[in-house]
Amino acid sequence: MDQMRINGSKVSEIVEQYDTPLYVYNENKIREQYRELEDSLCSRYDDVQINYAVKSNFNPKIAEVLLDEGAGLDCASKAELELADSLTRMKSCILRLII
């Protein structure tokens, strides 16, 4: 019987290494989808800036990947702003605080 795989890795091996419950993200897929969104928007509009809503997923690694791709961070709480600040101290990035 074939084993389920995520990005080439056997799910059973991932579970053995990290235990459960867990979330598995595919960094390459996140980057690919961001680029597709950016290409689509930029082909239709000028001065496009995509901002990642930190509240949608507080995982700093996802935010780091999107920052690396050129996204800004949309922050709606003090905790989100603190996370954004910790990730962007040495980077130029748009931060938006909704009060």
PDB file of N, CA and C in Angstrom:
ATOM      1  N   MET A   1       0.840  -1.184   0.000  1.00  0.00           N
ATOM      2  CA  MET A   1       0.000   0.000   0.000  1.00  0.00           C
ATOM      3  C   MET A   1       0.887   1.250   0.000  1.00  0.00           C
ATOM      4  N   ASP A   2       0.583   2.200  -0.863  1.00  0.00           N
ATOM      5  CA  ASP A   2       1.335   3.451  -0.922  1.00  0.00           C
ATOM      6  C   ASP A   2       1.061   4.292   0.315  1.00  0.00           C
ATOM      7  N   GLN A   3       2.098   4.931   0.801  1.00  0.00           N
ATOM      8  CA  GLN A   3       1.945   5.823   1.942  1.00  0.00           C
ATOM      9  C   GLN A   3       1.698   7.242   1.469  1.00  0.00           C
ATOM     10  N   MET A   4       0.880   7.966   2.238  1.00  0.00           N
ATOM     11  CA  MET A   4       0.616   9.359   1.917  1.00  0.00           C
ATOM     12  C   MET A   4       1.912  10.153   2.077  1.00  0.00           C
ATOM     13  N   ARG A   5       2.125  11.069   1.144  1.00  0.00           N
ATOM     14  CA  ARG A   5       3.329  11.902   1.166  1.00  0.00           C
ATOM     15  C   ARG A   5       2.942  13.376   1.102  1.00  0.00           C
ATOM     16  N   ILE A   6       3.771  14.177   1.715  1.00  0.00           N
ATOM     17  CA  ILE A   6       3.642  15.630   1.633  1.00  0.00           C
ATOM     18  C   ILE A   6       4.975  16.158   1.136  1.00  0.00           C
ATOM     19  N   ASN A   7       4.945  16.750  -0.040  1.00  0.00           N
ATOM     20  CA  ASN A   7       6.157  17.304  -0.642  1.00  0.00           C
ATOM     21  C   ASN A   7       7.295  16.283  -0.679  1.00  0.00           C
ATOM     22  N   GLY A   8       6.939  15.041  -0.976  1.00  0.00           N
ATOM     23  CA  GLY A   8       7.928  13.980  -1.106  1.00  0.00           C
ATOM     24  C   GLY A   8       8.252  13.222   0.159  1.00  0.00           C
ATOM     25  N   SER A   9       7.840  13.732   1.317  1.00  0.00           N
ATOM     26  CA  SER A   9       8.131  13.067   2.592  1.00  0.00           C
ATOM     27  C   SER A   9       6.945  12.222   3.032  1.00  0.00           C
ATOM     28  N   LYS A  10       7.227  11.044   3.576  1.00  0.00           N
ATOM     29  CA  LYS A  10       6.164  10.188   4.084  1.00  0.00           C
ATOM     30  C   LYS A  10       5.548  10.825   5.321  1.00  0.00           C
ATOM     31  N   VAL A  11       4.218  10.867   5.340  1.00  0.00           N
ATOM     32  CA  VAL A  11       3.512  11.441   6.482  1.00  0.00           C
ATOM     33  C   VAL A  11       3.874  10.698   7.762  1.00  0.00           C
ATOM     34  N   SER A  12       4.001   9.382   7.683  1.00  0.00           N
ATOM     35  CA  SER A  12       4.342   8.599   8.876  1.00  0.00           C
ATOM     36  C   SER A  12       5.693   9.017   9.453  1.00  0.00           C
ATOM     37  N   GLU A  13       6.651   9.358   8.599  1.00  0.00           N
ATOM     38  CA  GLU A  13       7.966   9.799   9.075  1.00  0.00           C
ATOM     39  C   GLU A  13       7.902  11.197   9.687  1.00  0.00           C
ATOM     40  N   ILE A  14       7.075  12.055   9.100  1.00  0.00           N
ATOM     41  CA  ILE A  14       6.899  13.404   9.653  1.00  0.00           C
ATOM     42  C   ILE A  14       6.285  13.311  11.046  1.00  0.00           C
ATOM     43  N   VAL A  15       5.252  12.472  11.179  1.00  0.00           N
ATOM     44  CA  VAL A  15       4.586  12.290  12.470  1.00  0.00           C
ATOM     45  C   VAL A  15       5.547  11.692  13.489  1.00  0.00           C
ATOM     46  N   GLU A  16       6.348  10.741  13.058  1.00  0.00           N
ATOM     47  CA  GLU A  16       7.317  10.116  13.960  1.00  0.00           C
ATOM     48  C   GLU A  16       8.323  11.146  14.478  1.00  0.00           C
ATOM     49  N   GLN A  17       8.733  12.060  13.612  1.00  0.00           N
ATOM     50  CA  GLN A  17       9.728  13.058  13.999  1.00  0.00           C
ATOM     51  C   GLN A  17       9.137  14.171  14.861  1.00  0.00           C
ATOM     52  N   TYR A  18       7.913  14.647  14.522  1.00  0.00           N
ATOM     53  CA  TYR A  18       7.364  15.831  15.181  1.00  0.00           C
ATOM     54  C   TYR A  18       6.174  15.549  16.088  1.00  0.00           C
ATOM     55  N   ASP A  19       5.623  14.340  16.066  1.00  0.00           N
ATOM     56  CA  ASP A  19       4.440  13.967  16.843  1.00  0.00           C
ATOM     57  C   ASP A  19       3.205  14.690  16.290  1.00  0.00           C
ATOM     58  N   THR A  20       2.088  14.484  16.926  1.00  0.00           N
ATOM     59  CA  THR A  20       0.840  15.114  16.502  1.00  0.00           C
ATOM     60  C   THR A  20       0.200  15.799  17.694  1.00  0.00           C
ATOM     61  N   PRO A  21      -0.676  16.729  17.485  1.00  0.00           N
ATOM     62  CA  PRO A  21      -1.088  17.287  16.194  1.00  0.00           C
ATOM     63  C   PRO A  21      -0.009  18.213  15.635  1.00  0.00           C
ATOM     64  N   LEU A  22      -0.031  18.390  14.338  1.00  0.00           N
ATOM     65  CA  LEU A  22       0.917  19.303  13.707  1.00  0.00           C
ATOM     66  C   LEU A  22       0.345  19.817  12.397  1.00  0.00           C
ATOM     67  N   TYR A  23       0.860  20.949  11.981  1.00  0.00           N
ATOM     68  CA  TYR A  23       0.544  21.519  10.680  1.00  0.00           C
ATOM     69  C   TYR A  23       1.799  21.399   9.831  1.00  0.00           C
ATOM     70  N   VAL A  24       1.621  21.050   8.575  1.00  0.00           N
ATOM     71  CA  VAL A  24       2.747  20.950   7.650  1.00  0.00           C
ATOM     72  C   VAL A  24       2.506  21.958   6.529  1.00  0.00           C
ATOM     73  N   TYR A  25       3.448  22.857   6.350  1.00  0.00           N
ATOM     74  CA  TYR A  25       3.355  23.876   5.314  1.00  0.00           C
ATOM     75  C   TYR A  25       4.402  23.602   4.246  1.00  0.00           C
ATOM     76  N   ASN A  26       4.055  23.919   3.020  1.00  0.00           N
ATOM     77  CA  ASN A  26       4.971  23.760   1.901  1.00  0.00           C
ATOM     78  C   ASN A  26       5.461  25.149   1.498  1.00  0.00           C
ATOM     79  N   GLU A  27       6.678  25.486   1.902  1.00  0.00           N
ATOM     80  CA  GLU A  27       7.223  26.813   1.629  1.00  0.00           C
ATOM     81  C   GLU A  27       7.240  27.118   0.137  1.00  0.00           C
ATOM     82  N   ASN A  28       7.613  26.161  -0.674  1.00  0.00           N
ATOM     83  CA  ASN A  28       7.652  26.397  -2.123  1.00  0.00           C
ATOM     84  C   ASN A  28       6.272  26.733  -2.666  1.00  0.00           C
ATOM     85  N   LYS A  29       5.239  26.063  -2.154  1.00  0.00           N
ATOM     86  CA  LYS A  29       3.866  26.326  -2.605  1.00  0.00           C
ATOM     87  C   LYS A  29       3.402  27.709  -2.154  1.00  0.00           C
ATOM     88  N   ILE A  30       3.751  28.094  -0.922  1.00  0.00           N
ATOM     89  CA  ILE A  30       3.399  29.433  -0.442  1.00  0.00           C
ATOM     90  C   ILE A  30       4.040  30.484  -1.345  1.00  0.00           C
ATOM     91  N   ARG A  31       5.318  30.302  -1.645  1.00  0.00           N
ATOM     92  CA  ARG A  31       6.022  31.247  -2.524  1.00  0.00           C
ATOM     93  C   ARG A  31       5.400  31.275  -3.925  1.00  0.00           C
ATOM     94  N   GLU A  32       5.102  30.104  -4.453  1.00  0.00           N
ATOM     95  CA  GLU A  32       4.508  30.008  -5.795  1.00  0.00           C
ATOM     96  C   GLU A  32       3.159  30.724  -5.843  1.00  0.00           C
ATOM     97  N   GLN A  33       2.322  30.493  -4.849  1.00  0.00           N
ATOM     98  CA  GLN A  33       0.999  31.116  -4.850  1.00  0.00           C
ATOM     99  C   GLN A  33       1.085  32.629  -4.644  1.00  0.00           C
ATOM    100  N   TYR A  34       2.025  33.060  -3.815  1.00  0.00           N
ATOM    101  CA  TYR A  34       2.222  34.503  -3.644  1.00  0.00           C
ATOM    102  C   TYR A  34       2.615  35.130  -4.984  1.00  0.00           C
ATOM    103  N   ARG A  35       3.552  34.522  -5.673  1.00  0.00           N
ATOM    104  CA  ARG A  35       4.022  35.069  -6.951  1.00  0.00           C
ATOM    105  C   ARG A  35       2.908  35.092  -7.995  1.00  0.00           C
ATOM    106  N   GLU A  36       2.072  34.060  -7.998  1.00  0.00           N
ATOM    107  CA  GLU A  36       0.934  34.044  -8.928  1.00  0.00           C
ATOM    108  C   GLU A  36      -0.026  35.185  -8.621  1.00  0.00           C
ATOM    109  N   LEU A  37      -0.314  35.402  -7.335  1.00  0.00           N
ATOM    110  CA  LEU A  37      -1.197  36.502  -6.941  1.00  0.00           C
ATOM    111  C   LEU A  37      -0.582  37.842  -7.329  1.00  0.00           C
ATOM    112  N   GLU A  38       0.687  38.010  -7.029  1.00  0.00           N
ATOM    113  CA  GLU A  38       1.372  39.263  -7.344  1.00  0.00           C
ATOM    114  C   GLU A  38       1.395  39.511  -8.858  1.00  0.00           C
ATOM    115  N   ASP A  39       1.725  38.493  -9.630  1.00  0.00           N
ATOM    116  CA  ASP A  39       1.748  38.639 -11.091  1.00  0.00           C
ATOM    117  C   ASP A  39       0.377  39.022 -11.627  1.00  0.00           C
ATOM    118  N   SER A  40      -0.658  38.378 -11.102  1.00  0.00           N
ATOM    119  CA  SER A  40      -2.016  38.653 -11.555  1.00  0.00           C
ATOM    120  C   SER A  40      -2.428  40.090 -11.236  1.00  0.00           C
ATOM    121  N   LEU A  41      -2.158  40.530 -10.013  1.00  0.00           N
ATOM    122  CA  LEU A  41      -2.537  41.890  -9.627  1.00  0.00           C
ATOM    123  C   LEU A  41      -1.705  42.941 -10.352  1.00  0.00           C
ATOM    124  N   CYS A  42      -0.415  42.696 -10.457  1.00  0.00           N
ATOM    125  CA  CYS A  42       0.477  43.678 -11.097  1.00  0.00           C
ATOM    126  C   CYS A  42       0.217  43.816 -12.594  1.00  0.00           C
ATOM    127  N   SER A  43      -0.329  42.783 -13.205  1.00  0.00           N
ATOM    128  CA  SER A  43      -0.646  42.873 -14.630  1.00  0.00           C
ATOM    129  C   SER A  43      -1.889  43.728 -14.876  1.00  0.00           C
ATOM    130  N   ARG A  44      -2.664  43.993 -13.822  1.00  0.00           N
ATOM    131  CA  ARG A  44      -3.905  44.752 -13.971  1.00  0.00           C
ATOM    132  C   ARG A  44      -3.865  46.129 -13.304  1.00  0.00           C
ATOM    133  N   TYR A  45      -3.029  46.279 -12.281  1.00  0.00           N
ATOM    134  CA  TYR A  45      -3.035  47.504 -11.479  1.00  0.00           C
ATOM    135  C   TYR A  45      -1.616  48.024 -11.278  1.00  0.00           C
ATOM    136  N   ASP A  46      -1.520  49.348 -11.097  1.00  0.00           N
ATOM    137  CA  ASP A  46      -0.237  49.975 -10.777  1.00  0.00           C
ATOM    138  C   ASP A  46      -0.056  50.019  -9.264  1.00  0.00           C
ATOM    139  N   ASP A  47       1.186  50.094  -8.835  1.00  0.00           N
ATOM    140  CA  ASP A  47       1.515  50.290  -7.413  1.00  0.00           C
ATOM    141  C   ASP A  47       0.823  49.296  -6.488  1.00  0.00           C
ATOM    142  N   VAL A  48       0.959  48.030  -6.785  1.00  0.00           N
ATOM    143  CA  VAL A  48       0.349  46.976  -5.964  1.00  0.00           C
ATOM    144  C   VAL A  48       1.247  46.668  -4.770  1.00  0.00           C
ATOM    145  N   GLN A  49       0.658  46.608  -3.592  1.00  0.00           N
ATOM    146  CA  GLN A  49       1.363  46.167  -2.388  1.00  0.00           C
ATOM    147  C   GLN A  49       0.485  45.119  -1.712  1.00  0.00           C
ATOM    148  N   ILE A  50       0.960  43.905  -1.660  1.00  0.00           N
ATOM    149  CA  ILE A  50       0.232  42.826  -0.995  1.00  0.00           C
ATOM    150  C   ILE A  50       0.657  42.800   0.466  1.00  0.00           C
ATOM    151  N   ASN A  51      -0.321  42.798   1.353  1.00  0.00           N
ATOM    152  CA  ASN A  51      -0.054  42.728   2.784  1.00  0.00           C
ATOM    153  C   ASN A  51      -0.661  41.452   3.345  1.00  0.00           C
ATOM    154  N   TYR A  52       0.106  40.755   4.141  1.00  0.00           N
ATOM    155  CA  TYR A  52      -0.326  39.510   4.784  1.00  0.00           C
ATOM    156  C   TYR A  52      -0.995  39.848   6.111  1.00  0.00           C
ATOM    157  N   ALA A  53      -2.236  39.409   6.280  1.00  0.00           N
ATOM    158  CA  ALA A  53      -2.960  39.621   7.534  1.00  0.00           C
ATOM    159  C   ALA A  53      -2.418  38.644   8.576  1.00  0.00           C
ATOM    160  N   VAL A  54      -1.636  39.158   9.502  1.00  0.00           N
ATOM    161  CA  VAL A  54      -0.990  38.314  10.504  1.00  0.00           C
ATOM    162  C   VAL A  54      -2.024  37.534  11.303  1.00  0.00           C
ATOM    163  N   LYS A  55      -3.215  38.116  11.513  1.00  0.00           N
ATOM    164  CA  LYS A  55      -4.264  37.430  12.273  1.00  0.00           C
ATOM    165  C   LYS A  55      -4.719  36.133  11.603  1.00  0.00           C
ATOM    166  N   SER A  56      -4.484  35.995  10.301  1.00  0.00           N
ATOM    167  CA  SER A  56      -4.929  34.786   9.601  1.00  0.00           C
ATOM    168  C   SER A  56      -4.095  33.565   9.965  1.00  0.00           C
ATOM    169  N   ASN A  57      -2.856  33.798  10.365  1.00  0.00           N
ATOM    170  CA  ASN A  57      -1.984  32.705  10.809  1.00  0.00           C
ATOM    171  C   ASN A  57      -0.783  33.348  11.492  1.00  0.00           C
ATOM    172  N   PHE A  58      -0.662  33.129  12.782  1.00  0.00           N
ATOM    173  CA  PHE A  58       0.345  33.801  13.603  1.00  0.00           C
ATOM    174  C   PHE A  58       1.710  33.113  13.529  1.00  0.00           C
ATOM    175  N   ASN A  59       1.886  32.193  12.586  1.00  0.00           N
ATOM    176  CA  ASN A  59       3.144  31.467  12.458  1.00  0.00           C
ATOM    177  C   ASN A  59       4.217  32.403  11.887  1.00  0.00           C
ATOM    178  N   PRO A  60       5.266  32.695  12.664  1.00  0.00           N
ATOM    179  CA  PRO A  60       6.276  33.636  12.176  1.00  0.00           C
ATOM    180  C   PRO A  60       7.026  33.152  10.941  1.00  0.00           C
ATOM    181  N   LYS A  61       7.137  31.857  10.746  1.00  0.00           N
ATOM    182  CA  LYS A  61       7.854  31.341   9.573  1.00  0.00           C
ATOM    183  C   LYS A  61       7.105  31.677   8.282  1.00  0.00           C
ATOM    184  N   ILE A  62       5.776  31.611   8.324  1.00  0.00           N
ATOM    185  CA  ILE A  62       4.988  31.977   7.140  1.00  0.00           C
ATOM    186  C   ILE A  62       5.156  33.462   6.851  1.00  0.00           C
ATOM    187  N   ALA A  63       5.090  34.277   7.894  1.00  0.00           N
ATOM    188  CA  ALA A  63       5.289  35.715   7.715  1.00  0.00           C
ATOM    189  C   ALA A  63       6.674  36.001   7.145  1.00  0.00           C
ATOM    190  N   GLU A  64       7.694  35.289   7.615  1.00  0.00           N
ATOM    191  CA  GLU A  64       9.058  35.478   7.099  1.00  0.00           C
ATOM    192  C   GLU A  64       9.141  35.161   5.608  1.00  0.00           C
ATOM    193  N   VAL A  65       8.507  34.079   5.198  1.00  0.00           N
ATOM    194  CA  VAL A  65       8.514  33.696   3.780  1.00  0.00           C
ATOM    195  C   VAL A  65       7.850  34.787   2.944  1.00  0.00           C
ATOM    196  N   LEU A  66       6.700  35.276   3.402  1.00  0.00           N
ATOM    197  CA  LEU A  66       5.983  36.291   2.640  1.00  0.00           C
ATOM    198  C   LEU A  66       6.725  37.626   2.642  1.00  0.00           C
ATOM    199  N   LEU A  67       7.359  37.969   3.756  1.00  0.00           N
ATOM    200  CA  LEU A  67       8.205  39.170   3.773  1.00  0.00           C
ATOM    201  C   LEU A  67       9.330  39.037   2.757  1.00  0.00           C
ATOM    202  N   ASP A  68       9.924  37.867   2.704  1.00  0.00           N
ATOM    203  CA  ASP A  68      11.007  37.608   1.759  1.00  0.00           C
ATOM    204  C   ASP A  68      10.539  37.767   0.314  1.00  0.00           C
ATOM    205  N   GLU A  69       9.275  37.451   0.066  1.00  0.00           N
ATOM    206  CA  GLU A  69       8.710  37.589  -1.281  1.00  0.00           C
ATOM    207  C   GLU A  69       8.313  39.028  -1.601  1.00  0.00           C
ATOM    208  N   GLY A  70       8.289  39.892  -0.574  1.00  0.00           N
ATOM    209  CA  GLY A  70       7.955  41.290  -0.823  1.00  0.00           C
ATOM    210  C   GLY A  70       6.658  41.761  -0.212  1.00  0.00           C
ATOM    211  N   ALA A  71       5.972  40.903   0.505  1.00  0.00           N
ATOM    212  CA  ALA A  71       4.714  41.288   1.138  1.00  0.00           C
ATOM    213  C   ALA A  71       4.976  42.199   2.327  1.00  0.00           C
ATOM    214  N   GLY A  72       3.976  42.978   2.667  1.00  0.00           N
ATOM    215  CA  GLY A  72       3.971  43.724   3.913  1.00  0.00           C
ATOM    216  C   GLY A  72       3.158  42.939   4.928  1.00  0.00           C
ATOM    217  N   LEU A  73       3.061  43.449   6.130  1.00  0.00           N
ATOM    218  CA  LEU A  73       2.290  42.782   7.174  1.00  0.00           C
ATOM    219  C   LEU A  73       1.163  43.689   7.630  1.00  0.00           C
ATOM    220  N   ASP A  74      -0.044  43.145   7.683  1.00  0.00           N
ATOM    221  CA  ASP A  74      -1.229  43.851   8.146  1.00  0.00           C
ATOM    222  C   ASP A  74      -1.469  43.419   9.587  1.00  0.00           C
ATOM    223  N   CYS A  75      -1.322  44.347  10.520  1.00  0.00           N
ATOM    224  CA  CYS A  75      -1.408  44.030  11.948  1.00  0.00           C
ATOM    225  C   CYS A  75      -2.645  44.683  12.555  1.00  0.00           C
ATOM    226  N   ALA A  76      -3.379  43.934  13.365  1.00  0.00           N
ATOM    227  CA  ALA A  76      -4.605  44.445  13.971  1.00  0.00           C
ATOM    228  C   ALA A  76      -4.584  44.367  15.492  1.00  0.00           C
ATOM    229  N   SER A  77      -3.450  44.039  16.082  1.00  0.00           N
ATOM    230  CA  SER A  77      -3.360  43.983  17.544  1.00  0.00           C
ATOM    231  C   SER A  77      -1.922  44.262  17.963  1.00  0.00           C
ATOM    232  N   LYS A  78      -1.762  44.525  19.233  1.00  0.00           N
ATOM    233  CA  LYS A  78      -0.420  44.778  19.759  1.00  0.00           C
ATOM    234  C   LYS A  78       0.474  43.552  19.564  1.00  0.00           C
ATOM    235  N   ALA A  79      -0.065  42.358  19.825  1.00  0.00           N
ATOM    236  CA  ALA A  79       0.722  41.128  19.666  1.00  0.00           C
ATOM    237  C   ALA A  79       1.169  40.946  18.215  1.00  0.00           C
ATOM    238  N   GLU A  80       0.291  41.244  17.271  1.00  0.00           N
ATOM    239  CA  GLU A  80       0.651  41.131  15.857  1.00  0.00           C
ATOM    240  C   GLU A  80       1.726  42.151  15.491  1.00  0.00           C
ATOM    241  N   LEU A  81       1.595  43.358  16.021  1.00  0.00           N
ATOM    242  CA  LEU A  81       2.589  44.393  15.749  1.00  0.00           C
ATOM    243  C   LEU A  81       3.944  44.012  16.343  1.00  0.00           C
ATOM    244  N   GLU A  82       3.939  43.414  17.538  1.00  0.00           N
ATOM    245  CA  GLU A  82       5.192  42.967  18.157  1.00  0.00           C
ATOM    246  C   GLU A  82       5.848  41.859  17.333  1.00  0.00           C
ATOM    247  N   LEU A  83       5.033  40.927  16.820  1.00  0.00           N
ATOM    248  CA  LEU A  83       5.580  39.880  15.954  1.00  0.00           C
ATOM    249  C   LEU A  83       6.182  40.508  14.701  1.00  0.00           C
ATOM    250  N   ALA A  84       5.437  41.409  14.078  1.00  0.00           N
ATOM    251  CA  ALA A  84       5.929  42.069  12.868  1.00  0.00           C
ATOM    252  C   ALA A  84       7.223  42.821  13.150  1.00  0.00           C
ATOM    253  N   ASP A  85       7.281  43.516  14.271  1.00  0.00           N
ATOM    254  CA  ASP A  85       8.483  44.265  14.633  1.00  0.00           C
ATOM    255  C   ASP A  85       9.673  43.329  14.809  1.00  0.00           C
ATOM    256  N   SER A  86       9.436  42.174  15.421  1.00  0.00           N
ATOM    257  CA  SER A  86      10.537  41.225  15.639  1.00  0.00           C
ATOM    258  C   SER A  86      11.054  40.643  14.324  1.00  0.00           C
ATOM    259  N   LEU A  87      10.200  40.595  13.314  1.00  0.00           N
ATOM    260  CA  LEU A  87      10.594  40.032  12.021  1.00  0.00           C
ATOM    261  C   LEU A  87      11.175  41.070  11.072  1.00  0.00           C
ATOM    262  N   THR A  88      10.906  42.340  11.330  1.00  0.00           N
ATOM    263  CA  THR A  88      11.249  43.363  10.334  1.00  0.00           C
ATOM    264  C   THR A  88      12.268  44.377  10.820  1.00  0.00           C
ATOM    265  N   ARG A  89      12.907  44.132  11.930  1.00  0.00           N
ATOM    266  CA  ARG A  89      13.863  45.112  12.471  1.00  0.00           C
ATOM    267  C   ARG A  89      14.913  45.522  11.442  1.00  0.00           C
ATOM    268  N   MET A  90      15.343  44.600  10.625  1.00  0.00           N
ATOM    269  CA  MET A  90      16.401  44.897   9.660  1.00  0.00           C
ATOM    270  C   MET A  90      15.870  44.952   8.228  1.00  0.00           C
ATOM    271  N   LYS A  91      14.558  44.978   8.063  1.00  0.00           N
ATOM    272  CA  LYS A  91      13.982  44.965   6.722  1.00  0.00           C
ATOM    273  C   LYS A  91      13.104  46.193   6.513  1.00  0.00           C
ATOM    274  N   SER A  92      12.958  46.582   5.285  1.00  0.00           N
ATOM    275  CA  SER A  92      12.016  47.626   4.927  1.00  0.00           C
ATOM    276  C   SER A  92      10.698  46.944   4.606  1.00  0.00           C
ATOM    277  N   CYS A  93       9.650  47.346   5.286  1.00  0.00           N
ATOM    278  CA  CYS A  93       8.383  46.632   5.152  1.00  0.00           C
ATOM    279  C   CYS A  93       7.245  47.547   5.556  1.00  0.00           C
ATOM    280  N   ILE A  94       6.102  47.361   4.951  1.00  0.00           N
ATOM    281  CA  ILE A  94       4.924  48.122   5.334  1.00  0.00           C
ATOM    282  C   ILE A  94       4.261  47.429   6.507  1.00  0.00           C
ATOM    283  N   LEU A  95       4.004  48.185   7.552  1.00  0.00           N
ATOM    284  CA  LEU A  95       3.250  47.688   8.697  1.00  0.00           C
ATOM    285  C   LEU A  95       1.995  48.536   8.809  1.00  0.00           C
ATOM    286  N   ARG A  96       0.876  47.911   9.047  1.00  0.00           N
ATOM    287  CA  ARG A  96      -0.370  48.639   9.164  1.00  0.00           C
ATOM    288  C   ARG A  96      -1.028  48.241  10.469  1.00  0.00           C
ATOM    289  N   LEU A  97      -1.311  49.192  11.324  1.00  0.00           N
ATOM    290  CA  LEU A  97      -1.978  48.926  12.588  1.00  0.00           C
ATOM    291  C   LEU A  97      -3.379  49.489  12.502  1.00  0.00           C
ATOM    292  N   ILE A  98      -4.359  48.630  12.686  1.00  0.00           N
ATOM    293  CA  ILE A  98      -5.756  49.055  12.657  1.00  0.00           C
ATOM    294  C   ILE A  98      -6.192  49.298  14.093  1.00  0.00           C
ATOM    295  N   ILE A  99      -6.615  50.517  14.376  1.00  0.00           N
ATOM    296  CA  ILE A  99      -7.019  50.861  15.748  1.00  0.00           C
ATOM    297  C   ILE A  99      -8.522  50.991  15.806  1.00  0.00           C
TER     298      ILE A  99
END
